[in-house]
Each structure stands twice: as C-alpha cells, then as structure tokens.
Amino acid sequence: MELQADMQKRLNRAIGQLTGVKAMIEDNRYCGDVLTQLAAAESAVRRVSEMVLAEHMRTCVVEEVRAGNDEVIDEVMALMRRFSK
C-alpha cells in the first residue's frame, strides 16, 4: 500500500532526526541547532498524524456513519482537537 509506505518513510525520517537530536544533546551541541532538528522531527510526526487521521476519516468513520453510528463524529472531533494544539 502506497500510503503505508509513505508513512513508514516519514516515521523512519523522524526516528533518524530524533536519534540525531539525542546525539547532539550528548555532544552538547548549540541549542539553536538542536531546536531546529526537534522542529523537523515534530513536523514529520505531525504530518504522519494528519495522514492517519485523514485515512481514518475516509475509511473507519465513513463505515461507521453508513452503519448508523453517528457517535463516531464525536470521536473524530476529539481526535481533531488533540492534533490542533
């Protein structure tokens, strides 16, 4: 599945960035450089979260609504609030 491969690639990149941040902290590197790498890792993770949420809405949520379970909308709203912070 192409979406899954893309998410795996993005997660691997974020893991690599976090590993790099850990090494930078151990090496007592300049704080600005550490923060730049942390921002990049955070952005990568946030993008994967957005992708998972969109896929959840296209599949699971649509199926639940079609089955008559409108309560799933409340779940989606709660999930969206978590990621809008």
Protein backbone atom coordinates (compact mmCIF):
# COMPACT_ATOMS: atom_id res chain seq x y z
CA MET A 1 0.00 0.00 0.00
CA GLU A 2 1.46 3.32 -1.09
CA LEU A 3 0.09 5.31 1.85
CA GLN A 4 1.57 2.89 4.35
CA ALA A 5 4.97 3.02 2.62
CA ASP A 6 4.89 6.83 2.69
CA MET A 7 4.03 6.85 6.40
CA GLN A 8 6.83 4.36 7.14
CA LYS A 9 9.30 6.54 5.25
CA ARG A 10 8.24 9.64 7.15
CA LEU A 11 8.40 7.84 10.50
CA ASN A 12 11.86 6.49 9.71
CA ARG A 13 12.98 10.03 8.89
CA ALA A 14 11.58 11.30 12.21
CA ILE A 15 13.29 8.48 14.10
CA GLY A 16 16.56 9.38 12.40
CA GLN A 17 16.10 13.02 13.31
CA LEU A 18 15.38 12.16 16.94
CA THR A 19 18.42 9.89 17.08
CA GLY A 20 20.43 12.82 15.73
CA VAL A 21 18.96 15.14 18.36
CA LYS A 22 19.91 12.70 21.09
CA ALA A 23 23.49 12.62 19.80
CA MET A 24 23.54 16.42 19.54
CA ILE A 25 22.47 16.73 23.17
CA GLU A 26 25.08 14.19 24.25
CA ASP A 27 27.70 16.22 22.35
CA ASN A 28 26.47 19.44 23.98
CA ARG A 29 25.75 21.00 20.59
CA TYR A 30 24.43 24.50 20.08
CA CYS A 31 20.84 24.81 21.35
CA GLY A 32 19.60 26.52 18.20
CA ASP A 33 20.74 23.56 16.09
CA VAL A 34 19.07 21.11 18.48
CA LEU A 35 15.82 23.08 18.34
CA THR A 36 15.91 23.15 14.55
CA GLN A 37 16.23 19.37 14.43
CA LEU A 38 13.47 18.94 17.02
CA ALA A 39 11.16 21.13 14.94
CA ALA A 40 11.88 18.98 11.87
CA ALA A 41 11.12 15.77 13.78
CA GLU A 42 7.95 17.24 15.23
CA SER A 43 6.82 18.33 11.77
CA ALA A 44 7.43 14.83 10.37
CA VAL A 45 5.42 13.19 13.17
CA ARG A 46 2.61 15.73 12.81
CA ARG A 47 2.38 15.01 9.07
CA VAL A 48 2.05 11.28 9.74
CA SER A 49 -0.65 12.04 12.31
CA GLU A 50 -2.53 14.07 9.72
CA MET A 51 -2.23 11.25 7.21
CA VAL A 52 -3.52 8.66 9.68
CA LEU A 53 -6.41 10.92 10.70
CA ALA A 54 -7.39 11.54 7.07
CA GLU A 55 -7.29 7.82 6.30
CA HIS A 56 -9.32 7.10 9.45
CA MET A 57 -11.97 9.54 8.27
CA ARG A 58 -12.03 8.11 4.72
CA THR A 59 -12.39 4.52 5.93
CA CYS A 60 -13.41 3.79 9.51
CA VAL A 61 -15.52 6.89 10.07
CA VAL A 62 -17.36 6.58 6.76
CA GLU A 63 -18.11 2.92 7.50
CA GLU A 64 -19.44 3.75 10.97
CA VAL A 65 -21.64 6.60 9.71
CA ARG A 66 -23.02 4.39 6.94
CA ALA A 67 -23.79 1.75 9.58
CA GLY A 68 -25.79 4.35 11.51
CA ASN A 69 -23.24 5.12 14.21
CA ASP A 70 -23.24 8.92 14.30
CA GLU A 71 -21.41 8.86 17.66
CA VAL A 72 -18.19 8.33 15.73
CA ILE A 73 -18.36 12.03 14.81
CA ASP A 74 -17.72 12.92 18.47
CA GLU A 75 -14.67 10.67 18.44
CA VAL A 76 -13.35 12.37 15.30
CA MET A 77 -13.88 15.81 16.81
CA ALA A 78 -11.95 14.78 19.93
CA LEU A 79 -9.12 13.43 17.76
CA MET A 80 -9.01 16.63 15.74
CA ARG A 81 -8.81 18.73 18.91
CA ARG A 82 -5.80 16.69 20.03
CA PHE A 83 -3.93 17.49 16.84
CA SER A 84 -4.88 21.15 16.61
CA LYS A 85 -2.79 22.08 19.64
